[in-house]
PDB file of N, CA and C in Angstrom:
ATOM      1  N   MET A   1       0.760  -1.152   0.070  1.00  0.00           N
ATOM      2  CA  MET A   1       0.013   0.053  -0.087  1.00  0.00           C
ATOM      3  C   MET A   1       0.983   1.194  -0.021  1.00  0.00           C
ATOM      4  N   ALA A   2       0.475   2.126  -0.860  1.00  0.00           N
ATOM      5  CA  ALA A   2       1.311   3.427  -1.058  1.00  0.00           C
ATOM      6  C   ALA A   2       1.022   4.354   0.300  1.00  0.00           C
ATOM      7  N   LYS A   3       2.046   5.269   0.480  1.00  0.00           N
ATOM      8  CA  LYS A   3       1.641   6.257   1.421  1.00  0.00           C
ATOM      9  C   LYS A   3       0.273   7.110   1.112  1.00  0.00           C
ATOM     10  N   LYS A   4      -0.317   7.403   2.223  1.00  0.00           N
ATOM     11  CA  LYS A   4      -1.484   8.074   2.104  1.00  0.00           C
ATOM     12  C   LYS A   4      -1.320   9.378   1.620  1.00  0.00           C
ATOM     13  N   SER A   5      -0.344  10.010   1.864  1.00  0.00           N
ATOM     14  CA  SER A   5      -0.013  11.493   1.409  1.00  0.00           C
ATOM     15  C   SER A   5       0.360  11.369  -0.068  1.00  0.00           C
ATOM     16  N   SER A   6       0.981  10.523  -0.490  1.00  0.00           N
ATOM     17  CA  SER A   6       1.111  10.316  -1.941  1.00  0.00           C
ATOM     18  C   SER A   6      -0.050  10.278  -2.681  1.00  0.00           C
ATOM     19  N   ILE A   7      -0.976   9.433  -1.942  1.00  0.00           N
ATOM     20  CA  ILE A   7      -2.198   9.128  -2.720  1.00  0.00           C
ATOM     21  C   ILE A   7      -2.988  10.218  -2.923  1.00  0.00           C
ATOM     22  N   GLU A   8      -3.303  11.183  -1.589  1.00  0.00           N
ATOM     23  CA  GLU A   8      -3.708  12.350  -1.586  1.00  0.00           C
ATOM     24  C   GLU A   8      -3.357  13.548  -2.431  1.00  0.00           C
ATOM     25  N   ARG A   9      -2.124  13.632  -2.447  1.00  0.00           N
ATOM     26  CA  ARG A   9      -1.214  14.729  -3.306  1.00  0.00           C
ATOM     27  C   ARG A   9      -1.663  14.625  -4.725  1.00  0.00           C
ATOM     28  N   ASN A  10      -1.537  13.121  -5.219  1.00  0.00           N
ATOM     29  CA  ASN A  10      -2.334  12.990  -6.636  1.00  0.00           C
ATOM     30  C   ASN A  10      -3.481  13.281  -6.801  1.00  0.00           C
ATOM     31  N   ARG A  11      -4.529  13.045  -5.897  1.00  0.00           N
ATOM     32  CA  ARG A  11      -5.921  13.311  -6.016  1.00  0.00           C
ATOM     33  C   ARG A  11      -5.879  15.029  -5.940  1.00  0.00           C
ATOM     34  N   LYS A  12      -5.344  15.589  -5.466  1.00  0.00           N
ATOM     35  CA  LYS A  12      -5.323  16.966  -5.199  1.00  0.00           C
ATOM     36  C   LYS A  12      -4.811  17.475  -6.655  1.00  0.00           C
ATOM     37  N   ARG A  13      -3.782  17.047  -7.419  1.00  0.00           N
ATOM     38  CA  ARG A  13      -3.661  17.149  -8.572  1.00  0.00           C
ATOM     39  C   ARG A  13      -4.410  17.152  -9.764  1.00  0.00           C
ATOM     40  N   GLU A  14      -5.365  15.821  -9.393  1.00  0.00           N
ATOM     41  CA  GLU A  14      -6.429  15.592 -10.260  1.00  0.00           C
ATOM     42  C   GLU A  14      -7.568  16.648 -10.253  1.00  0.00           C
ATOM     43  N   ARG A  15      -7.816  16.887  -9.102  1.00  0.00           N
ATOM     44  CA  ARG A  15      -8.903  18.111  -8.756  1.00  0.00           C
ATOM     45  C   ARG A  15      -8.524  19.613  -9.438  1.00  0.00           C
ATOM     46  N   LEU A  16      -7.354  19.928  -9.272  1.00  0.00           N
ATOM     47  CA  LEU A  16      -6.686  21.194  -9.685  1.00  0.00           C
ATOM     48  C   LEU A  16      -6.677  21.193 -11.232  1.00  0.00           C
ATOM     49  N   ALA A  17      -6.254  19.940 -11.977  1.00  0.00           N
ATOM     50  CA  ALA A  17      -6.264  20.020 -13.437  1.00  0.00           C
ATOM     51  C   ALA A  17      -7.702  19.993 -13.921  1.00  0.00           C
ATOM     52  N   LYS A  18      -8.731  19.605 -13.231  1.00  0.00           N
ATOM     53  CA  LYS A  18      -9.898  19.358 -13.758  1.00  0.00           C
ATOM     54  C   LYS A  18     -10.543  21.086 -13.409  1.00  0.00           C
ATOM     55  N   LYS A  19     -10.165  21.676 -12.504  1.00  0.00           N
ATOM     56  CA  LYS A  19     -10.601  22.968 -12.122  1.00  0.00           C
ATOM     57  C   LYS A  19      -9.986  23.894 -13.085  1.00  0.00           C
ATOM     58  N   TYR A  20      -8.749  23.805 -13.462  1.00  0.00           N
ATOM     59  CA  TYR A  20      -8.033  24.788 -14.454  1.00  0.00           C
ATOM     60  C   TYR A  20      -8.144  24.397 -15.793  1.00  0.00           C
ATOM     61  N   ALA A  21      -8.726  23.364 -16.140  1.00  0.00           N
ATOM     62  CA  ALA A  21      -8.616  22.744 -17.521  1.00  0.00           C
ATOM     63  C   ALA A  21      -9.114  23.799 -18.739  1.00  0.00           C
ATOM     64  N   ASN A  22     -10.463  24.357 -18.517  1.00  0.00           N
ATOM     65  CA  ASN A  22     -10.775  25.337 -19.260  1.00  0.00           C
ATOM     66  C   ASN A  22      -9.781  26.734 -19.500  1.00  0.00           C
ATOM     67  N   ARG A  23      -9.213  27.275 -18.295  1.00  0.00           N
ATOM     68  CA  ARG A  23      -8.531  28.387 -18.432  1.00  0.00           C
ATOM     69  C   ARG A  23      -7.206  27.939 -19.134  1.00  0.00           C
ATOM     70  N   ARG A  24      -6.819  26.993 -18.808  1.00  0.00           N
ATOM     71  CA  ARG A  24      -5.438  26.488 -19.379  1.00  0.00           C
ATOM     72  C   ARG A  24      -5.584  26.257 -20.878  1.00  0.00           C
ATOM     73  N   ALA A  25      -6.623  25.591 -21.483  1.00  0.00           N
ATOM     74  CA  ALA A  25      -6.779  25.488 -22.562  1.00  0.00           C
ATOM     75  C   ALA A  25      -6.847  26.753 -23.450  1.00  0.00           C
ATOM     76  N   ALA A  26      -7.661  27.685 -23.003  1.00  0.00           N
ATOM     77  CA  ALA A  26      -7.762  28.959 -23.652  1.00  0.00           C
ATOM     78  C   ALA A  26      -6.518  29.740 -23.573  1.00  0.00           C
ATOM     79  N   LEU A  27      -5.673  29.749 -22.581  1.00  0.00           N
ATOM     80  CA  LEU A  27      -4.563  30.332 -22.730  1.00  0.00           C
ATOM     81  C   LEU A  27      -3.406  29.791 -23.762  1.00  0.00           C
ATOM     82  N   LYS A  28      -3.663  28.359 -23.763  1.00  0.00           N
ATOM     83  CA  LYS A  28      -2.639  27.853 -24.605  1.00  0.00           C
ATOM     84  C   LYS A  28      -2.986  27.945 -26.104  1.00  0.00           C
ATOM     85  N   LEU A  29      -4.326  28.137 -26.420  1.00  0.00           N
ATOM     86  CA  LEU A  29      -4.837  28.673 -27.576  1.00  0.00           C
ATOM     87  C   LEU A  29      -4.227  30.023 -28.085  1.00  0.00           C
ATOM     88  N   ILE A  30      -4.267  30.920 -27.149  1.00  0.00           N
ATOM     89  CA  ILE A  30      -3.835  32.243 -27.528  1.00  0.00           C
ATOM     90  C   ILE A  30      -2.376  32.265 -27.560  1.00  0.00           C
ATOM     91  N   THR A  31      -1.500  31.316 -26.806  1.00  0.00           N
ATOM     92  CA  THR A  31      -0.123  31.426 -26.952  1.00  0.00           C
ATOM     93  C   THR A  31       0.175  30.651 -28.453  1.00  0.00           C
ATOM     94  N   LYS A  32      -0.662  29.827 -28.895  1.00  0.00           N
ATOM     95  CA  LYS A  32      -0.136  29.284 -30.430  1.00  0.00           C
ATOM     96  C   LYS A  32      -0.698  29.959 -31.445  1.00  0.00           C
ATOM     97  N   ASP A  33      -1.563  31.074 -31.248  1.00  0.00           N
ATOM     98  CA  ASP A  33      -2.193  31.587 -32.391  1.00  0.00           C
ATOM     99  C   ASP A  33      -1.243  32.722 -32.916  1.00  0.00           C
ATOM    100  N   THR A  34      -0.785  32.358 -34.170  1.00  0.00           N
ATOM    101  CA  THR A  34       0.259  33.181 -34.748  1.00  0.00           C
ATOM    102  C   THR A  34      -0.262  34.670 -35.305  1.00  0.00           C
ATOM    103  N   SER A  35      -1.669  34.817 -35.468  1.00  0.00           N
ATOM    104  CA  SER A  35      -2.092  36.019 -35.940  1.00  0.00           C
ATOM    105  C   SER A  35      -2.548  37.057 -35.007  1.00  0.00           C
ATOM    106  N   LEU A  36      -2.083  36.769 -33.793  1.00  0.00           N
ATOM    107  CA  LEU A  36      -1.967  37.816 -32.674  1.00  0.00           C
ATOM    108  C   LEU A  36      -0.673  38.480 -32.433  1.00  0.00           C
ATOM    109  N   SER A  37      -0.719  39.570 -31.839  1.00  0.00           N
ATOM    110  CA  SER A  37       0.570  40.018 -31.611  1.00  0.00           C
ATOM    111  C   SER A  37       1.579  39.477 -30.837  1.00  0.00           C
ATOM    112  N   PRO A  38       2.837  39.368 -30.682  1.00  0.00           N
ATOM    113  CA  PRO A  38       3.657  38.862 -29.800  1.00  0.00           C
ATOM    114  C   PRO A  38       3.694  39.371 -28.390  1.00  0.00           C
ATOM    115  N   GLU A  39       3.153  40.417 -28.265  1.00  0.00           N
ATOM    116  CA  GLU A  39       2.748  40.985 -26.824  1.00  0.00           C
ATOM    117  C   GLU A  39       1.743  40.251 -26.088  1.00  0.00           C
ATOM    118  N   GLU A  40       0.808  40.132 -27.080  1.00  0.00           N
ATOM    119  CA  GLU A  40      -0.532  39.306 -26.418  1.00  0.00           C
ATOM    120  C   GLU A  40      -0.287  38.108 -26.181  1.00  0.00           C
ATOM    121  N   ARG A  41       0.484  37.407 -27.006  1.00  0.00           N
ATOM    122  CA  ARG A  41       0.901  35.985 -26.823  1.00  0.00           C
ATOM    123  C   ARG A  41       1.702  35.859 -25.551  1.00  0.00           C
ATOM    124  N   PHE A  42       2.734  36.684 -25.511  1.00  0.00           N
ATOM    125  CA  PHE A  42       3.632  36.723 -24.135  1.00  0.00           C
ATOM    126  C   PHE A  42       2.700  36.839 -22.934  1.00  0.00           C
ATOM    127  N   GLU A  43       1.824  37.802 -22.963  1.00  0.00           N
ATOM    128  CA  GLU A  43       0.975  38.025 -21.872  1.00  0.00           C
ATOM    129  C   GLU A  43       0.031  36.744 -21.373  1.00  0.00           C
ATOM    130  N   ALA A  44      -0.434  36.059 -22.472  1.00  0.00           N
ATOM    131  CA  ALA A  44      -0.846  34.600 -22.419  1.00  0.00           C
ATOM    132  C   ALA A  44       0.104  33.650 -21.662  1.00  0.00           C
ATOM    133  N   HIS A  45       1.381  33.654 -22.176  1.00  0.00           N
ATOM    134  CA  HIS A  45       2.436  33.120 -21.583  1.00  0.00           C
ATOM    135  C   HIS A  45       2.671  33.200 -19.838  1.00  0.00           C
ATOM    136  N   LEU A  46       2.551  34.662 -19.763  1.00  0.00           N
ATOM    137  CA  LEU A  46       2.756  34.916 -18.137  1.00  0.00           C
ATOM    138  C   LEU A  46       1.714  34.515 -17.447  1.00  0.00           C
ATOM    139  N   LYS A  47       0.474  34.714 -17.921  1.00  0.00           N
ATOM    140  CA  LYS A  47      -0.817  34.088 -17.305  1.00  0.00           C
ATOM    141  C   LYS A  47      -0.921  32.766 -17.101  1.00  0.00           C
ATOM    142  N   LEU A  48      -0.230  31.879 -18.079  1.00  0.00           N
ATOM    143  CA  LEU A  48      -0.130  30.650 -17.982  1.00  0.00           C
ATOM    144  C   LEU A  48       0.645  30.139 -16.837  1.00  0.00           C
ATOM    145  N   ALA A  49       1.719  30.939 -16.587  1.00  0.00           N
ATOM    146  CA  ALA A  49       2.813  30.724 -15.700  1.00  0.00           C
ATOM    147  C   ALA A  49       2.399  31.203 -14.206  1.00  0.00           C
ATOM    148  N   GLN A  50       1.204  31.724 -13.894  1.00  0.00           N
ATOM    149  CA  GLN A  50       0.711  32.110 -12.986  1.00  0.00           C
ATOM    150  C   GLN A  50      -0.233  31.140 -12.312  1.00  0.00           C
ATOM    151  N   LEU A  51      -0.496  30.127 -13.055  1.00  0.00           N
ATOM    152  CA  LEU A  51      -1.624  29.144 -12.711  1.00  0.00           C
ATOM    153  C   LEU A  51      -0.649  28.168 -11.774  1.00  0.00           C
ATOM    154  N   PRO A  52      -1.553  27.437 -10.887  1.00  0.00           N
ATOM    155  CA  PRO A  52      -0.712  26.591 -10.113  1.00  0.00           C
ATOM    156  C   PRO A  52      -0.001  25.505 -10.781  1.00  0.00           C
ATOM    157  N   ARG A  53       1.148  25.104 -10.537  1.00  0.00           N
ATOM    158  CA  ARG A  53       1.991  24.194 -11.118  1.00  0.00           C
ATOM    159  C   ARG A  53       1.132  22.808 -11.177  1.00  0.00           C
ATOM    160  N   ASN A  54       0.567  22.386 -10.266  1.00  0.00           N
ATOM    161  CA  ASN A  54      -0.188  21.089 -10.061  1.00  0.00           C
ATOM    162  C   ASN A  54      -1.554  21.085 -10.731  1.00  0.00           C
ATOM    163  N   SER A  55      -1.758  22.163 -11.348  1.00  0.00           N
ATOM    164  CA  SER A  55      -3.050  22.185 -12.410  1.00  0.00           C
ATOM    165  C   SER A  55      -2.680  21.679 -13.530  1.00  0.00           C
ATOM    166  N   SER A  56      -1.435  21.489 -13.890  1.00  0.00           N
ATOM    167  CA  SER A  56      -1.128  20.746 -15.336  1.00  0.00           C
ATOM    168  C   SER A  56      -1.329  19.310 -15.296  1.00  0.00           C
ATOM    169  N   PRO A  57      -2.145  18.635 -16.277  1.00  0.00           N
ATOM    170  CA  PRO A  57      -2.343  17.305 -16.048  1.00  0.00           C
ATOM    171  C   PRO A  57      -1.212  16.317 -16.534  1.00  0.00           C
ATOM    172  N   VAL A  58      -0.138  16.850 -16.787  1.00  0.00           N
ATOM    173  CA  VAL A  58       1.287  16.165 -16.921  1.00  0.00           C
ATOM    174  C   VAL A  58       1.845  15.762 -15.852  1.00  0.00           C
ATOM    175  N   ARG A  59       1.433  16.525 -14.452  1.00  0.00           N
ATOM    176  CA  ARG A  59       2.133  16.384 -13.233  1.00  0.00           C
ATOM    177  C   ARG A  59       1.300  15.089 -12.390  1.00  0.00           C
ATOM    178  N   GLN A  60       0.155  14.819 -13.016  1.00  0.00           N
ATOM    179  CA  GLN A  60      -0.551  13.549 -12.452  1.00  0.00           C
ATOM    180  C   GLN A  60       0.157  12.281 -12.697  1.00  0.00           C
ATOM    181  N   ARG A  61      -0.041  11.351 -11.771  1.00  0.00           N
ATOM    182  CA  ARG A  61       0.727  10.018 -11.790  1.00  0.00           C
ATOM    183  C   ARG A  61      -0.482   9.047 -11.793  1.00  0.00           C
ATOM    184  N   LEU A  62      -0.217   8.226 -12.712  1.00  0.00           N
ATOM    185  CA  LEU A  62      -1.191   6.757 -12.681  1.00  0.00           C
ATOM    186  C   LEU A  62      -0.878   5.851 -11.735  1.00  0.00           C
ATOM    187  N   ARG A  63      -1.939   5.822 -10.651  1.00  0.00           N
ATOM    188  CA  ARG A  63      -1.827   4.917  -9.516  1.00  0.00           C
ATOM    189  C   ARG A  63      -2.740   3.871  -9.601  1.00  0.00           C
ATOM    190  N   CYS A  64      -2.453   2.734  -8.909  1.00  0.00           N
ATOM    191  CA  CYS A  64      -3.432   1.674  -8.969  1.00  0.00           C
ATOM    192  C   CYS A  64      -4.776   2.323  -8.069  1.00  0.00           C
ATOM    193  N   GLY A  65      -5.847   1.883  -8.547  1.00  0.00           N
ATOM    194  CA  GLY A  65      -7.095   2.438  -7.756  1.00  0.00           C
ATOM    195  C   GLY A  65      -7.128   1.798  -6.398  1.00  0.00           C
ATOM    196  N   LEU A  66      -6.772   0.558  -6.393  1.00  0.00           N
ATOM    197  CA  LEU A  66      -6.727  -0.319  -5.215  1.00  0.00           C
ATOM    198  C   LEU A  66      -5.819  -0.117  -4.151  1.00  0.00           C
ATOM    199  N   SER A  67      -4.567  -0.265  -4.610  1.00  0.00           N
ATOM    200  CA  SER A  67      -3.390  -0.120  -3.546  1.00  0.00           C
ATOM    201  C   SER A  67      -2.716   1.353  -3.833  1.00  0.00           C
ATOM    202  N   GLY A  68      -2.794   2.010  -4.795  1.00  0.00           N
ATOM    203  CA  GLY A  68      -2.088   3.090  -4.831  1.00  0.00           C
ATOM    204  C   GLY A  68      -0.873   3.047  -5.486  1.00  0.00           C
ATOM    205  N   ARG A  69      -0.289   1.901  -5.866  1.00  0.00           N
ATOM    206  CA  ARG A  69       1.080   1.500  -6.269  1.00  0.00           C
ATOM    207  C   ARG A  69       1.448   2.526  -7.647  1.00  0.00           C
ATOM    208  N   PRO A  70       2.313   3.199  -7.629  1.00  0.00           N
ATOM    209  CA  PRO A  70       2.586   4.288  -8.655  1.00  0.00           C
ATOM    210  C   PRO A  70       3.262   3.412  -9.916  1.00  0.00           C
ATOM    211  N   ARG A  71       3.617   2.131  -9.840  1.00  0.00           N
ATOM    212  CA  ARG A  71       4.377   1.560 -10.908  1.00  0.00           C
ATOM    213  C   ARG A  71       3.754   0.330 -11.419  1.00  0.00           C
ATOM    214  N   GLY A  72       3.946   0.096 -12.791  1.00  0.00           N
ATOM    215  CA  GLY A  72       3.321  -1.221 -13.366  1.00  0.00           C
ATOM    216  C   GLY A  72       1.840  -1.159 -13.167  1.00  0.00           C
ATOM    217  N   ASN A  73       1.302  -0.081 -13.852  1.00  0.00           N
ATOM    218  CA  ASN A  73      -0.233  -0.063 -14.051  1.00  0.00           C
ATOM    219  C   ASN A  73      -0.527  -0.337 -15.239  1.00  0.00           C
ATOM    220  N   TYR A  74      -2.029  -0.947 -15.554  1.00  0.00           N
ATOM    221  CA  TYR A  74      -2.649  -0.912 -16.625  1.00  0.00           C
ATOM    222  C   TYR A  74      -3.662   0.053 -16.766  1.00  0.00           C
ATOM    223  N   ARG A  75      -3.443   0.964 -17.837  1.00  0.00           N
ATOM    224  CA  ARG A  75      -4.397   2.211 -18.156  1.00  0.00           C
ATOM    225  C   ARG A  75      -5.736   1.711 -18.115  1.00  0.00           C
ATOM    226  N   LYS A  76      -6.164   0.715 -18.939  1.00  0.00           N
ATOM    227  CA  LYS A  76      -7.407   0.125 -19.196  1.00  0.00           C
ATOM    228  C   LYS A  76      -8.106  -0.180 -17.941  1.00  0.00           C
ATOM    229  N   PHE A  77      -7.519  -0.751 -17.011  1.00  0.00           N
ATOM    230  CA  PHE A  77      -8.407  -1.112 -15.758  1.00  0.00           C
ATOM    231  C   PHE A  77      -7.820  -0.269 -14.651  1.00  0.00           C
ATOM    232  N   LYS A  78      -7.124   0.624 -14.830  1.00  0.00           N
ATOM    233  CA  LYS A  78      -6.339   1.428 -13.861  1.00  0.00           C
ATOM    234  C   LYS A  78      -6.031   0.746 -12.350  1.00  0.00           C
ATOM    235  N   LEU A  79      -5.313  -0.441 -12.537  1.00  0.00           N
ATOM    236  CA  LEU A  79      -4.958  -1.261 -11.472  1.00  0.00           C
ATOM    237  C   LEU A  79      -3.561  -1.727 -11.944  1.00  0.00           C
ATOM    238  N   SER A  80      -2.864  -1.802 -10.665  1.00  0.00           N
ATOM    239  CA  SER A  80      -1.388  -2.266 -10.943  1.00  0.00           C
ATOM    240  C   SER A  80      -1.237  -3.864 -11.316  1.00  0.00           C
ATOM    241  N   ARG A  81      -0.292  -4.234 -11.842  1.00  0.00           N
ATOM    242  CA  ARG A  81      -0.053  -5.762 -12.219  1.00  0.00           C
ATOM    243  C   ARG A  81      -0.587  -6.557 -11.310  1.00  0.00           C
ATOM    244  N   ILE A  82      -0.158  -6.310 -10.076  1.00  0.00           N
ATOM    245  CA  ILE A  82      -0.430  -7.220  -8.818  1.00  0.00           C
ATOM    246  C   ILE A  82      -1.854  -7.327  -8.408  1.00  0.00           C
ATOM    247  N   ALA A  83      -2.783  -6.127  -8.456  1.00  0.00           N
ATOM    248  CA  ALA A  83      -3.981  -6.275  -8.118  1.00  0.00           C
ATOM    249  C   ALA A  83      -4.745  -6.810  -9.210  1.00  0.00           C
ATOM    250  N   LEU A  84      -4.343  -6.629 -10.449  1.00  0.00           N
ATOM    251  CA  LEU A  84      -5.168  -7.235 -11.744  1.00  0.00           C
ATOM    252  C   LEU A  84      -5.088  -8.643 -11.687  1.00  0.00           C
ATOM    253  N   ARG A  85      -3.830  -9.185 -11.118  1.00  0.00           N
ATOM    254  CA  ARG A  85      -3.766 -10.563 -11.276  1.00  0.00           C
ATOM    255  C   ARG A  85      -4.582 -11.220  -9.923  1.00  0.00           C
ATOM    256  N   ASP A  86      -4.460 -10.582  -8.786  1.00  0.00           N
ATOM    257  CA  ASP A  86      -5.236 -10.959  -7.918  1.00  0.00           C
ATOM    258  C   ASP A  86      -6.793 -11.012  -8.092  1.00  0.00           C
ATOM    259  N   LEU A  87      -7.193 -10.058  -8.704  1.00  0.00           N
ATOM    260  CA  LEU A  87      -8.764  -9.879  -8.917  1.00  0.00           C
ATOM    261  C   LEU A  87      -9.185 -11.045 -10.291  1.00  0.00           C
ATOM    262  N   ALA A  88      -8.092 -11.169 -11.294  1.00  0.00           N
ATOM    263  CA  ALA A  88      -8.435 -12.227 -12.279  1.00  0.00           C
ATOM    264  C   ALA A  88      -8.264 -13.610 -11.561  1.00  0.00           C
ATOM    265  N   SER A  89      -7.430 -13.871 -10.631  1.00  0.00           N
ATOM    266  CA  SER A  89      -7.502 -15.175 -10.210  1.00  0.00           C
ATOM    267  C   SER A  89      -8.626 -15.714  -9.466  1.00  0.00           C
ATOM    268  N   THR A  90      -9.267 -14.449  -8.665  1.00  0.00           N
ATOM    269  CA  THR A  90     -10.575 -14.806  -8.074  1.00  0.00           C
ATOM    270  C   THR A  90     -11.684 -14.875  -8.925  1.00  0.00           C
ATOM    271  N   GLY A  91     -11.493 -14.387 -10.191  1.00  0.00           N
ATOM    272  CA  GLY A  91     -12.701 -14.496 -11.112  1.00  0.00           C
ATOM    273  C   GLY A  91     -13.478 -13.164 -10.843  1.00  0.00           C
ATOM    274  N   GLN A  92     -13.002 -12.199 -10.452  1.00  0.00           N
ATOM    275  CA  GLN A  92     -13.567 -10.880 -10.279  1.00  0.00           C
ATOM    276  C   GLN A  92     -13.729 -10.116 -11.388  1.00  0.00           C
ATOM    277  N   ILE A  93     -12.833 -10.275 -12.619  1.00  0.00           N
ATOM    278  CA  ILE A  93     -12.848  -9.788 -13.782  1.00  0.00           C
ATOM    279  C   ILE A  93     -13.503 -10.445 -14.852  1.00  0.00           C
ATOM    280  N   PRO A  94     -14.491  -9.938 -15.396  1.00  0.00           N
ATOM    281  CA  PRO A  94     -15.051 -10.914 -16.340  1.00  0.00           C
ATOM    282  C   PRO A  94     -14.424 -11.074 -17.657  1.00  0.00           C
ATOM    283  N   GLY A  95     -14.610 -12.230 -18.059  1.00  0.00           N
ATOM    284  CA  GLY A  95     -13.805 -12.604 -19.303  1.00  0.00           C
ATOM    285  C   GLY A  95     -12.151 -12.814 -19.218  1.00  0.00           C
ATOM    286  N   MET A  96     -11.759 -12.423 -18.026  1.00  0.00           N
ATOM    287  CA  MET A  96     -10.336 -12.708 -18.064  1.00  0.00           C
ATOM    288  C   MET A  96      -9.951 -13.938 -17.299  1.00  0.00           C
ATOM    289  N   VAL A  97      -9.221 -14.822 -17.854  1.00  0.00           N
ATOM    290  CA  VAL A  97      -8.848 -16.176 -17.482  1.00  0.00           C
ATOM    291  C   VAL A  97      -7.282 -16.284 -17.412  1.00  0.00           C
ATOM    292  N   LYS A  98      -6.766 -17.044 -16.471  1.00  0.00           N
ATOM    293  CA  LYS A  98      -5.440 -17.145 -16.587  1.00  0.00           C
ATOM    294  C   LYS A  98      -4.863 -18.147 -17.766  1.00  0.00           C
ATOM    295  N   SER A  99      -4.005 -17.761 -18.523  1.00  0.00           N
ATOM    296  CA  SER A  99      -3.526 -18.472 -19.896  1.00  0.00           C
ATOM    297  C   SER A  99      -2.599 -19.669 -19.352  1.00  0.00           C
ATOM    298  N   SER A 100      -2.819 -20.538 -20.233  1.00  0.00           N
ATOM    299  CA  SER A 100      -2.146 -22.006 -20.062  1.00  0.00           C
ATOM    300  C   SER A 100      -1.716 -22.498 -21.465  1.00  0.00           C
ATOM    301  N   TRP A 101      -0.717 -22.863 -21.699  1.00  0.00           N
ATOM    302  CA  TRP A 101      -0.258 -23.607 -22.918  1.00  0.00           C
ATOM    303  C   TRP A 101       0.877 -24.536 -22.746  1.00  0.00           C
TER     304      TRP A 101
END
């Protein structure tokens, strides 16, 4: 099990990214618009830098939904490889069976 503080920090990043998503997207569009003057684009860059760092979706870490493990995760299930195997072995994931050959 991961530390509770690490899990909560990541949840805070998710909340902030969701909260600032529209503002961040609008500012990014302004910065990429070449028809605007360089001064306006630079102002948008400055405003973008004023937003909280943790509001960027790049700073989020994919963690296991059950254990909070930060590595070895499957995006499709949002579970770590260990948790996925345990659930599959007990038959709690429909259609997933242990392979044998």
